[in-house]
Amino acid sequence: MTLDFYITSLIVVLVPGTGVIYTLSHGLFRGSLESVIAATGCTLGILPHIAASLLGIAALLHTSAVIFQTFKFIGVAYLLYLAWGIWRQSGSLNIDRPQNQASMTRVCFGGFLVNILNPKLSIFFLAFLPQFVPAGETNPLPLMINMSAIFMAMTLGIFILYGLAAAKVSAYVTSSPQITKWVQRSFAGAFAAFGAKLALTDN
């Protein structure tokens, strides 16, 4: 694997997207543990897309408008659902609610859905991974699997750092009800914007 792969992957992971926003929101308003669980869920949501790309299923998504549009609008609906939920709870979120196994499972599954319901990720990996396979490679699959594992590890590590950093400043954000409401509504707006962007883009 080349240095270009590591640098490009790092840039892709660092750029804020739905997974980052999801992790940050849990770090700010639910604490360190939930931010780590959220990051884990978001990372697991990448795995099906990588598997689909390696198996060539992503090509089907790219060529079948009906399948792609179906996945896309389910993803849009879920992002808008997240946006509405955060907006509706603005200013009334209970920061100190108990963190039990059921709530942790919901957080993880929510992060998983954020990424798995975005069909653009399958297309991304289908185009991204082959760029770093050397010309003349007779068996590229093991290399692509290794690159996928490294990409997921980088995603998990960076997302956890994002979440823990958000948890560190949580006390400053949540000390003011007005700031809390503004930040929550900013997250809601971000999810709505990502949903709109996904809805308006073509395959």
N, C-alpha and C. Protein backbone atom coordinates (compact mmCIF):
# COMPACT_ATOMS: atom_id res chain seq x y z
N MET A 1 0.84 -1.19 0.00
CA MET A 1 0.00 0.00 0.00
C MET A 1 0.87 1.25 0.00
N THR A 2 0.48 2.22 -0.79
CA THR A 2 1.29 3.41 -0.96
C THR A 2 0.92 4.49 0.06
N LEU A 3 1.84 5.46 0.17
CA LEU A 3 1.56 6.60 1.05
C LEU A 3 0.35 7.37 0.56
N ASP A 4 0.15 7.40 -0.76
CA ASP A 4 -1.01 8.10 -1.31
C ASP A 4 -2.32 7.54 -0.76
N PHE A 5 -2.36 6.22 -0.58
CA PHE A 5 -3.58 5.60 -0.05
C PHE A 5 -3.85 6.08 1.36
N TYR A 6 -2.82 6.11 2.21
CA TYR A 6 -3.01 6.53 3.60
C TYR A 6 -3.42 8.01 3.67
N ILE A 7 -2.78 8.84 2.89
CA ILE A 7 -3.09 10.27 2.91
C ILE A 7 -4.50 10.53 2.41
N THR A 8 -4.86 9.90 1.29
CA THR A 8 -6.20 10.08 0.72
C THR A 8 -7.27 9.57 1.68
N SER A 9 -7.03 8.41 2.26
CA SER A 9 -7.99 7.83 3.20
C SER A 9 -8.17 8.74 4.41
N LEU A 10 -7.07 9.29 4.92
CA LEU A 10 -7.15 10.18 6.08
C LEU A 10 -7.97 11.42 5.76
N ILE A 11 -7.77 11.98 4.58
CA ILE A 11 -8.52 13.17 4.18
C ILE A 11 -10.01 12.84 4.09
N VAL A 12 -10.32 11.70 3.47
CA VAL A 12 -11.73 11.29 3.32
C VAL A 12 -12.38 11.12 4.68
N VAL A 13 -11.67 10.49 5.61
CA VAL A 13 -12.24 10.23 6.94
C VAL A 13 -12.40 11.52 7.74
N LEU A 14 -11.45 12.44 7.60
CA LEU A 14 -11.47 13.68 8.37
C LEU A 14 -12.59 14.63 7.95
N VAL A 15 -12.97 14.58 6.67
CA VAL A 15 -14.00 15.50 6.18
C VAL A 15 -15.34 15.18 6.87
N PRO A 16 -15.94 16.16 7.54
CA PRO A 16 -17.19 15.89 8.27
C PRO A 16 -18.31 15.44 7.35
N GLY A 17 -18.95 14.35 7.73
CA GLY A 17 -20.12 13.84 7.02
C GLY A 17 -21.17 13.44 8.03
N THR A 18 -22.13 12.65 7.60
CA THR A 18 -23.21 12.27 8.51
C THR A 18 -22.70 11.48 9.71
N GLY A 19 -21.71 10.60 9.48
CA GLY A 19 -21.17 9.81 10.59
C GLY A 19 -20.48 10.67 11.63
N VAL A 20 -19.74 11.67 11.17
CA VAL A 20 -19.06 12.58 12.10
C VAL A 20 -20.08 13.37 12.91
N ILE A 21 -21.10 13.90 12.23
CA ILE A 21 -22.13 14.67 12.94
C ILE A 21 -22.85 13.80 13.96
N TYR A 22 -23.15 12.57 13.57
CA TYR A 22 -23.83 11.64 14.49
C TYR A 22 -22.97 11.39 15.73
N THR A 23 -21.68 11.16 15.52
CA THR A 23 -20.76 10.90 16.64
C THR A 23 -20.58 12.13 17.51
N LEU A 24 -20.41 13.29 16.89
CA LEU A 24 -20.25 14.54 17.64
C LEU A 24 -21.47 14.82 18.51
N SER A 25 -22.66 14.61 17.95
CA SER A 25 -23.88 14.91 18.72
C SER A 25 -23.97 14.03 19.96
N HIS A 26 -23.57 12.78 19.84
CA HIS A 26 -23.62 11.90 21.01
C HIS A 26 -22.51 12.23 22.00
N GLY A 27 -21.36 12.66 21.50
CA GLY A 27 -20.30 13.07 22.41
C GLY A 27 -20.68 14.30 23.21
N LEU A 28 -21.34 15.25 22.56
CA LEU A 28 -21.72 16.49 23.24
C LEU A 28 -22.84 16.28 24.24
N PHE A 29 -23.84 15.50 23.88
CA PHE A 29 -25.05 15.43 24.69
C PHE A 29 -25.27 14.11 25.40
N ARG A 30 -24.40 13.12 25.15
CA ARG A 30 -24.55 11.83 25.82
C ARG A 30 -23.28 11.35 26.51
N GLY A 31 -22.15 11.97 26.20
CA GLY A 31 -20.92 11.61 26.89
C GLY A 31 -19.97 10.73 26.08
N SER A 32 -18.82 10.45 26.69
CA SER A 32 -17.74 9.73 26.01
C SER A 32 -18.15 8.33 25.57
N LEU A 33 -18.81 7.59 26.46
CA LEU A 33 -19.14 6.20 26.15
C LEU A 33 -20.04 6.11 24.93
N GLU A 34 -21.10 6.93 24.91
CA GLU A 34 -22.02 6.87 23.77
C GLU A 34 -21.35 7.34 22.50
N SER A 35 -20.39 8.27 22.60
CA SER A 35 -19.69 8.72 21.39
C SER A 35 -18.87 7.59 20.79
N VAL A 36 -18.24 6.78 21.65
CA VAL A 36 -17.47 5.63 21.17
C VAL A 36 -18.40 4.60 20.53
N ILE A 37 -19.55 4.36 21.16
CA ILE A 37 -20.53 3.42 20.60
C ILE A 37 -21.05 3.93 19.26
N ALA A 38 -21.31 5.24 19.18
CA ALA A 38 -21.79 5.84 17.93
C ALA A 38 -20.74 5.69 16.83
N ALA A 39 -19.47 5.94 17.18
CA ALA A 39 -18.39 5.80 16.20
C ALA A 39 -18.28 4.36 15.72
N THR A 40 -18.46 3.42 16.64
CA THR A 40 -18.41 2.00 16.28
C THR A 40 -19.54 1.64 15.32
N GLY A 41 -20.74 2.12 15.62
CA GLY A 41 -21.87 1.85 14.75
C GLY A 41 -21.68 2.41 13.35
N CYS A 42 -21.18 3.65 13.28
CA CYS A 42 -20.93 4.28 11.98
C CYS A 42 -19.89 3.50 11.19
N THR A 43 -18.85 3.02 11.88
CA THR A 43 -17.80 2.25 11.20
C THR A 43 -18.34 0.92 10.70
N LEU A 44 -19.15 0.26 11.51
CA LEU A 44 -19.76 -1.00 11.08
C LEU A 44 -20.67 -0.79 9.87
N GLY A 45 -21.26 0.39 9.77
CA GLY A 45 -22.13 0.70 8.64
C GLY A 45 -21.39 0.80 7.33
N ILE A 46 -20.05 0.94 7.39
CA ILE A 46 -19.23 0.99 6.18
C ILE A 46 -19.00 -0.42 5.62
N LEU A 47 -18.98 -1.40 6.53
CA LEU A 47 -18.60 -2.76 6.14
C LEU A 47 -19.45 -3.33 5.01
N PRO A 48 -20.79 -3.22 5.06
CA PRO A 48 -21.58 -3.76 3.94
C PRO A 48 -21.26 -3.10 2.61
N HIS A 49 -20.94 -1.80 2.63
CA HIS A 49 -20.60 -1.11 1.39
C HIS A 49 -19.29 -1.62 0.81
N ILE A 50 -18.32 -1.86 1.70
CA ILE A 50 -17.04 -2.39 1.24
C ILE A 50 -17.24 -3.80 0.67
N ALA A 51 -18.03 -4.61 1.37
CA ALA A 51 -18.29 -5.96 0.89
C ALA A 51 -19.00 -5.93 -0.45
N ALA A 52 -19.98 -5.01 -0.58
CA ALA A 52 -20.71 -4.90 -1.84
C ALA A 52 -19.78 -4.48 -2.97
N SER A 53 -18.86 -3.58 -2.67
CA SER A 53 -17.91 -3.13 -3.69
C SER A 53 -16.99 -4.26 -4.12
N LEU A 54 -16.47 -5.01 -3.14
CA LEU A 54 -15.55 -6.10 -3.45
C LEU A 54 -16.25 -7.21 -4.24
N LEU A 55 -17.53 -7.40 -3.99
CA LEU A 55 -18.28 -8.44 -4.68
C LEU A 55 -18.89 -7.97 -5.99
N GLY A 56 -18.76 -6.66 -6.25
CA GLY A 56 -19.30 -6.12 -7.49
C GLY A 56 -20.76 -5.74 -7.42
N ILE A 57 -21.37 -5.86 -6.23
CA ILE A 57 -22.77 -5.51 -6.11
C ILE A 57 -22.98 -4.01 -6.31
N ALA A 58 -21.96 -3.22 -5.96
CA ALA A 58 -22.07 -1.77 -6.13
C ALA A 58 -22.30 -1.41 -7.59
N ALA A 59 -21.75 -2.22 -8.50
CA ALA A 59 -21.97 -1.96 -9.92
C ALA A 59 -23.45 -2.08 -10.28
N LEU A 60 -24.14 -3.01 -9.60
CA LEU A 60 -25.57 -3.16 -9.81
C LEU A 60 -26.33 -1.92 -9.34
N LEU A 61 -25.93 -1.39 -8.18
CA LEU A 61 -26.55 -0.16 -7.70
C LEU A 61 -26.35 0.98 -8.69
N HIS A 62 -25.17 0.99 -9.30
CA HIS A 62 -24.84 2.07 -10.22
C HIS A 62 -25.64 1.96 -11.51
N THR A 63 -25.92 0.74 -11.96
CA THR A 63 -26.60 0.55 -13.23
C THR A 63 -28.11 0.44 -13.08
N SER A 64 -28.61 0.08 -11.89
CA SER A 64 -30.04 -0.05 -11.69
C SER A 64 -30.58 1.18 -10.97
N ALA A 65 -31.25 2.02 -11.73
CA ALA A 65 -31.77 3.27 -11.16
C ALA A 65 -32.81 3.02 -10.08
N VAL A 66 -33.63 1.99 -10.27
CA VAL A 66 -34.69 1.70 -9.31
C VAL A 66 -34.11 1.30 -7.96
N ILE A 67 -33.13 0.38 -7.96
CA ILE A 67 -32.51 -0.07 -6.72
C ILE A 67 -31.80 1.09 -6.04
N PHE A 68 -31.05 1.85 -6.82
CA PHE A 68 -30.30 2.96 -6.24
C PHE A 68 -31.24 3.99 -5.62
N GLN A 69 -32.28 4.37 -6.36
CA GLN A 69 -33.21 5.38 -5.86
C GLN A 69 -33.94 4.89 -4.61
N THR A 70 -34.26 3.60 -4.57
CA THR A 70 -34.93 3.05 -3.39
C THR A 70 -34.06 3.20 -2.15
N PHE A 71 -32.79 2.76 -2.25
CA PHE A 71 -31.87 2.89 -1.13
C PHE A 71 -31.66 4.35 -0.77
N LYS A 72 -31.55 5.18 -1.81
CA LYS A 72 -31.26 6.59 -1.56
C LYS A 72 -32.37 7.25 -0.76
N PHE A 73 -33.60 7.03 -1.14
CA PHE A 73 -34.69 7.74 -0.46
C PHE A 73 -35.01 7.14 0.91
N ILE A 74 -34.69 5.87 1.11
CA ILE A 74 -34.76 5.34 2.48
C ILE A 74 -33.73 6.05 3.35
N GLY A 75 -32.54 6.26 2.80
CA GLY A 75 -31.50 6.99 3.52
C GLY A 75 -31.90 8.43 3.79
N VAL A 76 -32.50 9.07 2.81
CA VAL A 76 -32.97 10.45 2.98
C VAL A 76 -34.00 10.52 4.10
N ALA A 77 -34.94 9.58 4.09
CA ALA A 77 -35.99 9.56 5.11
C ALA A 77 -35.39 9.40 6.51
N TYR A 78 -34.37 8.54 6.61
CA TYR A 78 -33.77 8.32 7.93
C TYR A 78 -33.02 9.57 8.41
N LEU A 79 -32.31 10.25 7.52
CA LEU A 79 -31.61 11.47 7.90
C LEU A 79 -32.59 12.55 8.33
N LEU A 80 -33.69 12.67 7.63
CA LEU A 80 -34.70 13.65 8.01
C LEU A 80 -35.36 13.27 9.34
N TYR A 81 -35.50 11.97 9.57
CA TYR A 81 -36.02 11.50 10.86
C TYR A 81 -35.09 11.90 12.00
N LEU A 82 -33.78 11.72 11.78
CA LEU A 82 -32.82 12.15 12.80
C LEU A 82 -32.89 13.65 13.03
N ALA A 83 -32.99 14.40 11.92
CA ALA A 83 -33.05 15.86 12.04
C ALA A 83 -34.27 16.30 12.84
N TRP A 84 -35.43 15.70 12.54
CA TRP A 84 -36.65 16.05 13.24
C TRP A 84 -36.58 15.67 14.72
N GLY A 85 -36.00 14.51 15.00
CA GLY A 85 -35.89 14.07 16.39
C GLY A 85 -35.04 15.02 17.22
N ILE A 86 -33.90 15.44 16.66
CA ILE A 86 -33.02 16.36 17.38
C ILE A 86 -33.68 17.72 17.53
N TRP A 87 -34.33 18.21 16.46
CA TRP A 87 -34.98 19.52 16.52
C TRP A 87 -36.10 19.52 17.55
N ARG A 88 -36.88 18.45 17.56
CA ARG A 88 -38.01 18.36 18.49
C ARG A 88 -37.56 18.35 19.94
N GLN A 89 -36.38 17.78 20.21
CA GLN A 89 -35.88 17.69 21.57
C GLN A 89 -34.99 18.86 21.96
N SER A 90 -34.83 19.84 21.08
CA SER A 90 -33.93 20.96 21.35
C SER A 90 -34.27 21.63 22.67
N GLY A 91 -33.25 21.76 23.51
CA GLY A 91 -33.41 22.45 24.78
C GLY A 91 -33.97 21.60 25.90
N SER A 92 -34.39 20.35 25.58
CA SER A 92 -35.00 19.52 26.62
C SER A 92 -34.32 18.17 26.76
N LEU A 93 -33.12 18.04 26.16
CA LEU A 93 -32.42 16.76 26.21
C LEU A 93 -31.91 16.49 27.62
N ASN A 94 -32.12 15.29 28.09
CA ASN A 94 -31.65 14.90 29.42
C ASN A 94 -30.22 14.36 29.31
N ILE A 95 -29.25 15.19 29.67
CA ILE A 95 -27.84 14.83 29.48
C ILE A 95 -27.44 13.67 30.37
N ASP A 96 -28.04 13.54 31.52
CA ASP A 96 -27.59 12.55 32.50
C ASP A 96 -28.46 11.30 32.54
N ARG A 97 -29.13 10.99 31.44
CA ARG A 97 -29.97 9.80 31.45
C ARG A 97 -29.12 8.54 31.62
N PRO A 98 -29.64 7.45 32.18
CA PRO A 98 -28.86 6.23 32.37
C PRO A 98 -28.39 5.66 31.04
N GLN A 99 -27.18 5.10 31.05
CA GLN A 99 -26.62 4.49 29.86
C GLN A 99 -26.68 2.97 30.03
N ASN A 100 -27.79 2.36 29.62
CA ASN A 100 -27.94 0.92 29.76
C ASN A 100 -27.66 0.24 28.42
N GLN A 101 -27.72 -1.09 28.45
CA GLN A 101 -27.38 -1.84 27.26
C GLN A 101 -28.33 -1.55 26.10
N ALA A 102 -29.61 -1.37 26.41
CA ALA A 102 -30.59 -1.10 25.37
C ALA A 102 -30.29 0.22 24.66
N SER A 103 -29.95 1.26 25.44
CA SER A 103 -29.66 2.55 24.83
C SER A 103 -28.37 2.49 24.03
N MET A 104 -27.39 1.73 24.51
CA MET A 104 -26.15 1.58 23.75
C MET A 104 -26.40 0.87 22.42
N THR A 105 -27.27 -0.12 22.44
CA THR A 105 -27.60 -0.84 21.21
C THR A 105 -28.29 0.08 20.22
N ARG A 106 -29.19 0.92 20.71
CA ARG A 106 -29.88 1.86 19.84
C ARG A 106 -28.90 2.84 19.21
N VAL A 107 -27.97 3.34 20.01
CA VAL A 107 -26.97 4.28 19.50
C VAL A 107 -26.12 3.63 18.41
N CYS A 108 -25.66 2.41 18.67
CA CYS A 108 -24.83 1.68 17.71
C CYS A 108 -25.61 1.40 16.42
N PHE A 109 -26.84 0.95 16.57
CA PHE A 109 -27.65 0.64 15.40
C PHE A 109 -27.99 1.89 14.61
N GLY A 110 -28.20 3.00 15.32
CA GLY A 110 -28.46 4.26 14.64
C GLY A 110 -27.29 4.69 13.78
N GLY A 111 -26.06 4.57 14.32
CA GLY A 111 -24.86 4.89 13.55
C GLY A 111 -24.71 3.96 12.35
N PHE A 112 -25.04 2.68 12.56
CA PHE A 112 -24.98 1.71 11.47
C PHE A 112 -25.92 2.12 10.34
N LEU A 113 -27.14 2.53 10.70
CA LEU A 113 -28.11 2.94 9.69
C LEU A 113 -27.68 4.20 8.95
N VAL A 114 -27.04 5.13 9.66
CA VAL A 114 -26.60 6.37 9.03
C VAL A 114 -25.75 6.08 7.80
N ASN A 115 -24.86 5.10 7.90
CA ASN A 115 -23.96 4.81 6.78
C ASN A 115 -24.50 3.75 5.82
N ILE A 116 -25.16 2.73 6.33
CA ILE A 116 -25.59 1.66 5.43
C ILE A 116 -26.70 2.13 4.48
N LEU A 117 -27.47 3.14 4.87
CA LEU A 117 -28.56 3.63 4.03
C LEU A 117 -28.11 4.69 3.04
N ASN A 118 -26.80 4.87 2.91
CA ASN A 118 -26.28 5.82 1.91
C ASN A 118 -25.67 5.03 0.76
N PRO A 119 -26.39 4.84 -0.35
CA PRO A 119 -25.87 4.03 -1.45
C PRO A 119 -24.67 4.66 -2.13
N LYS A 120 -24.44 5.95 -1.91
CA LYS A 120 -23.28 6.61 -2.52
C LYS A 120 -21.97 6.01 -2.00
N LEU A 121 -22.01 5.44 -0.80
CA LEU A 121 -20.79 4.86 -0.24
C LEU A 121 -20.33 3.64 -1.02
N SER A 122 -21.27 2.83 -1.47
CA SER A 122 -20.90 1.66 -2.27
C SER A 122 -20.22 2.09 -3.57
N ILE A 123 -20.79 3.10 -4.20
CA ILE A 123 -20.20 3.62 -5.44
C ILE A 123 -18.82 4.20 -5.15
N PHE A 124 -18.70 4.89 -4.00
CA PHE A 124 -17.42 5.49 -3.63
C PHE A 124 -16.33 4.43 -3.51
N PHE A 125 -16.62 3.37 -2.77
CA PHE A 125 -15.61 2.33 -2.58
C PHE A 125 -15.31 1.58 -3.87
N LEU A 126 -16.32 1.43 -4.72
CA LEU A 126 -16.10 0.78 -6.00
C LEU A 126 -15.12 1.57 -6.85
N ALA A 127 -15.15 2.90 -6.71
CA ALA A 127 -14.23 3.75 -7.48
C ALA A 127 -12.93 4.01 -6.73
N PHE A 128 -13.00 3.99 -5.38
CA PHE A 128 -11.85 4.39 -4.56
C PHE A 128 -10.77 3.32 -4.47
N LEU A 129 -11.15 2.12 -4.09
CA LEU A 129 -10.17 1.08 -3.82
C LEU A 129 -9.32 0.69 -5.03
N PRO A 130 -9.91 0.50 -6.23
CA PRO A 130 -9.09 0.07 -7.37
C PRO A 130 -7.99 1.06 -7.76
N GLN A 131 -8.14 2.34 -7.37
CA GLN A 131 -7.13 3.33 -7.72
C GLN A 131 -5.76 3.00 -7.13
N PHE A 132 -5.76 2.26 -6.04
CA PHE A 132 -4.50 2.00 -5.32
C PHE A 132 -4.01 0.56 -5.51
N VAL A 133 -4.60 -0.13 -6.46
CA VAL A 133 -4.12 -1.47 -6.82
C VAL A 133 -3.08 -1.32 -7.92
N PRO A 134 -1.85 -1.81 -7.70
CA PRO A 134 -0.79 -1.65 -8.71
C PRO A 134 -1.18 -2.30 -10.04
N ALA A 135 -0.76 -1.67 -11.11
CA ALA A 135 -1.01 -2.22 -12.44
C ALA A 135 -0.34 -3.59 -12.56
N GLY A 136 -1.06 -4.53 -13.11
CA GLY A 136 -0.50 -5.86 -13.29
C GLY A 136 -0.68 -6.77 -12.10
N GLU A 137 -1.36 -6.30 -11.06
CA GLU A 137 -1.63 -7.15 -9.88
C GLU A 137 -2.53 -8.31 -10.29
N THR A 138 -2.05 -9.52 -10.12
CA THR A 138 -2.80 -10.70 -10.58
C THR A 138 -3.94 -11.08 -9.65
N ASN A 139 -3.81 -10.79 -8.37
CA ASN A 139 -4.85 -11.14 -7.40
C ASN A 139 -5.10 -9.94 -6.48
N PRO A 140 -5.89 -8.97 -6.94
CA PRO A 140 -6.06 -7.73 -6.18
C PRO A 140 -6.95 -7.84 -4.95
N LEU A 141 -7.74 -8.93 -4.85
CA LEU A 141 -8.72 -9.03 -3.77
C LEU A 141 -8.09 -8.96 -2.37
N PRO A 142 -7.02 -9.72 -2.06
CA PRO A 142 -6.43 -9.62 -0.72
C PRO A 142 -5.94 -8.20 -0.41
N LEU A 143 -5.36 -7.53 -1.39
CA LEU A 143 -4.88 -6.16 -1.18
C LEU A 143 -6.05 -5.23 -0.89
N MET A 144 -7.14 -5.38 -1.63
CA MET A 144 -8.30 -4.52 -1.42
C MET A 144 -8.95 -4.79 -0.07
N ILE A 145 -8.94 -6.04 0.37
CA ILE A 145 -9.47 -6.36 1.70
C ILE A 145 -8.61 -5.70 2.78
N ASN A 146 -7.29 -5.75 2.61
CA ASN A 146 -6.39 -5.11 3.57
C ASN A 146 -6.61 -3.60 3.59
N MET A 147 -6.77 -2.99 2.42
CA MET A 147 -7.01 -1.56 2.35
C MET A 147 -8.33 -1.20 3.02
N SER A 148 -9.33 -2.05 2.82
CA SER A 148 -10.63 -1.80 3.44
C SER A 148 -10.53 -1.87 4.96
N ALA A 149 -9.78 -2.84 5.47
CA ALA A 149 -9.61 -2.97 6.92
C ALA A 149 -8.89 -1.75 7.49
N ILE A 150 -7.88 -1.27 6.79
CA ILE A 150 -7.15 -0.08 7.24
C ILE A 150 -8.06 1.14 7.21
N PHE A 151 -8.86 1.27 6.16
CA PHE A 151 -9.78 2.40 6.05
C PHE A 151 -10.78 2.40 7.21
N MET A 152 -11.31 1.22 7.53
CA MET A 152 -12.26 1.13 8.64
C MET A 152 -11.60 1.44 9.98
N ALA A 153 -10.36 0.98 10.16
CA ALA A 153 -9.64 1.28 11.41
C ALA A 153 -9.39 2.77 11.54
N MET A 154 -9.03 3.42 10.43
CA MET A 154 -8.83 4.87 10.46
C MET A 154 -10.13 5.59 10.77
N THR A 155 -11.23 5.11 10.17
CA THR A 155 -12.54 5.71 10.42
C THR A 155 -12.90 5.61 11.90
N LEU A 156 -12.74 4.42 12.46
CA LEU A 156 -13.08 4.24 13.87
C LEU A 156 -12.23 5.13 14.76
N GLY A 157 -10.92 5.15 14.51
CA GLY A 157 -10.02 5.96 15.33
C GLY A 157 -10.33 7.44 15.27
N ILE A 158 -10.53 7.97 14.07
CA ILE A 158 -10.80 9.40 13.90
C ILE A 158 -12.16 9.76 14.49
N PHE A 159 -13.16 8.91 14.26
CA PHE A 159 -14.49 9.19 14.80
C PHE A 159 -14.48 9.18 16.33
N ILE A 160 -13.74 8.24 16.91
CA ILE A 160 -13.64 8.21 18.37
C ILE A 160 -12.99 9.49 18.88
N LEU A 161 -11.94 9.95 18.21
CA LEU A 161 -11.30 11.21 18.61
C LEU A 161 -12.27 12.38 18.51
N TYR A 162 -13.05 12.42 17.43
CA TYR A 162 -14.07 13.46 17.30
C TYR A 162 -15.04 13.40 18.48
N GLY A 163 -15.53 12.21 18.78
CA GLY A 163 -16.52 12.05 19.84
C GLY A 163 -15.98 12.40 21.21
N LEU A 164 -14.76 11.95 21.51
CA LEU A 164 -14.16 12.25 22.81
C LEU A 164 -13.87 13.74 22.97
N ALA A 165 -13.45 14.38 21.86
CA ALA A 165 -13.22 15.83 21.90
C ALA A 165 -14.53 16.56 22.18
N ALA A 166 -15.61 16.09 21.55
CA ALA A 166 -16.91 16.71 21.79
C ALA A 166 -17.34 16.52 23.25
N ALA A 167 -17.08 15.32 23.79
CA ALA A 167 -17.44 15.05 25.19
C ALA A 167 -16.67 15.95 26.15
N LYS A 168 -15.43 16.28 25.78
CA LYS A 168 -14.60 17.14 26.63
C LYS A 168 -15.18 18.54 26.77
N VAL A 169 -15.78 19.05 25.70
CA VAL A 169 -16.32 20.42 25.74
C VAL A 169 -17.82 20.41 26.04
N SER A 170 -18.35 19.23 26.36
CA SER A 170 -19.78 19.12 26.60
C SER A 170 -20.25 20.03 27.72
N ALA A 171 -19.45 20.11 28.79
CA ALA A 171 -19.85 20.92 29.94
C ALA A 171 -20.02 22.39 29.57
N TYR A 172 -19.16 22.87 28.66
CA TYR A 172 -19.24 24.28 28.25
C TYR A 172 -20.48 24.52 27.38
N VAL A 173 -20.78 23.54 26.52
CA VAL A 173 -21.92 23.69 25.63
C VAL A 173 -23.23 23.58 26.38
N THR A 174 -23.31 22.59 27.27
CA THR A 174 -24.58 22.32 27.96
C THR A 174 -24.80 23.20 29.18
N SER A 175 -23.83 24.05 29.53
CA SER A 175 -24.00 24.93 30.68
C SER A 175 -25.01 26.04 30.40
N SER A 176 -25.25 26.31 29.12
CA SER A 176 -26.20 27.34 28.74
C SER A 176 -27.34 26.72 27.93
N PRO A 177 -28.58 26.85 28.39
CA PRO A 177 -29.71 26.29 27.63
C PRO A 177 -29.79 26.86 26.21
N GLN A 178 -29.45 28.13 26.06
CA GLN A 178 -29.52 28.74 24.73
C GLN A 178 -28.46 28.16 23.79
N ILE A 179 -27.24 27.97 24.31
CA ILE A 179 -26.19 27.37 23.49
C ILE A 179 -26.56 25.93 23.14
N THR A 180 -27.08 25.22 24.15
CA THR A 180 -27.49 23.83 23.92
C THR A 180 -28.52 23.76 22.80
N LYS A 181 -29.54 24.62 22.87
CA LYS A 181 -30.58 24.61 21.83
C LYS A 181 -29.98 24.97 20.48
N TRP A 182 -29.08 25.94 20.43
CA TRP A 182 -28.48 26.36 19.16
C TRP A 182 -27.67 25.22 18.55
N VAL A 183 -26.87 24.54 19.40
CA VAL A 183 -26.05 23.44 18.89
C VAL A 183 -26.92 22.29 18.42
N GLN A 184 -27.95 21.95 19.19
CA GLN A 184 -28.85 20.86 18.79
C GLN A 184 -29.51 21.16 17.46
N ARG A 185 -29.97 22.39 17.31
CA ARG A 185 -30.63 22.74 16.06
C ARG A 185 -29.63 22.81 14.90
N SER A 186 -28.38 23.11 15.21
CA SER A 186 -27.35 23.07 14.17
C SER A 186 -27.14 21.64 13.68
N PHE A 187 -27.12 20.68 14.62
CA PHE A 187 -27.01 19.28 14.24
C PHE A 187 -28.23 18.85 13.43
N ALA A 188 -29.41 19.28 13.86
CA ALA A 188 -30.63 18.93 13.12
C ALA A 188 -30.56 19.49 11.70
N GLY A 189 -30.10 20.74 11.58
CA GLY A 189 -29.96 21.35 10.26
C GLY A 189 -28.94 20.62 9.40
N ALA A 190 -27.86 20.14 10.04
CA ALA A 190 -26.83 19.41 9.29
C ALA A 190 -27.39 18.11 8.73
N PHE A 191 -28.14 17.36 9.55
CA PHE A 191 -28.74 16.11 9.07
C PHE A 191 -29.74 16.39 7.95
N ALA A 192 -30.54 17.45 8.12
CA ALA A 192 -31.51 17.80 7.08
C ALA A 192 -30.80 18.17 5.78
N ALA A 193 -29.68 18.92 5.91
CA ALA A 193 -28.91 19.32 4.72
C ALA A 193 -28.30 18.10 4.02
N PHE A 194 -27.76 17.16 4.82
CA PHE A 194 -27.22 15.94 4.22
C PHE A 194 -28.32 15.15 3.51
N GLY A 195 -29.51 15.11 4.14
CA GLY A 195 -30.63 14.42 3.50
C GLY A 195 -31.03 15.07 2.20
N ALA A 196 -31.09 16.40 2.19
CA ALA A 196 -31.44 17.12 0.97
C ALA A 196 -30.40 16.92 -0.12
N LYS A 197 -29.13 16.94 0.29
CA LYS A 197 -28.06 16.74 -0.68
C LYS A 197 -28.14 15.34 -1.29
N LEU A 198 -28.39 14.35 -0.46
CA LEU A 198 -28.52 12.97 -0.96
C LEU A 198 -29.71 12.85 -1.89
N ALA A 199 -30.82 13.52 -1.56
CA ALA A 199 -32.02 13.44 -2.37
C ALA A 199 -31.83 14.07 -3.75
N LEU A 200 -31.00 15.12 -3.80
CA LEU A 200 -30.85 15.89 -5.04
C LEU A 200 -29.72 15.41 -5.93
N THR A 201 -28.90 14.45 -5.44
CA THR A 201 -27.80 13.97 -6.24
C THR A 201 -28.22 12.74 -7.03
N ASP A 202 -27.58 12.57 -8.18
CA ASP A 202 -27.85 11.41 -9.03
C ASP A 202 -26.85 10.33 -8.70
N ASN A 203 -27.09 9.11 -9.21
CA ASN A 203 -26.17 8.01 -8.95
C ASN A 203 -24.91 8.17 -9.76
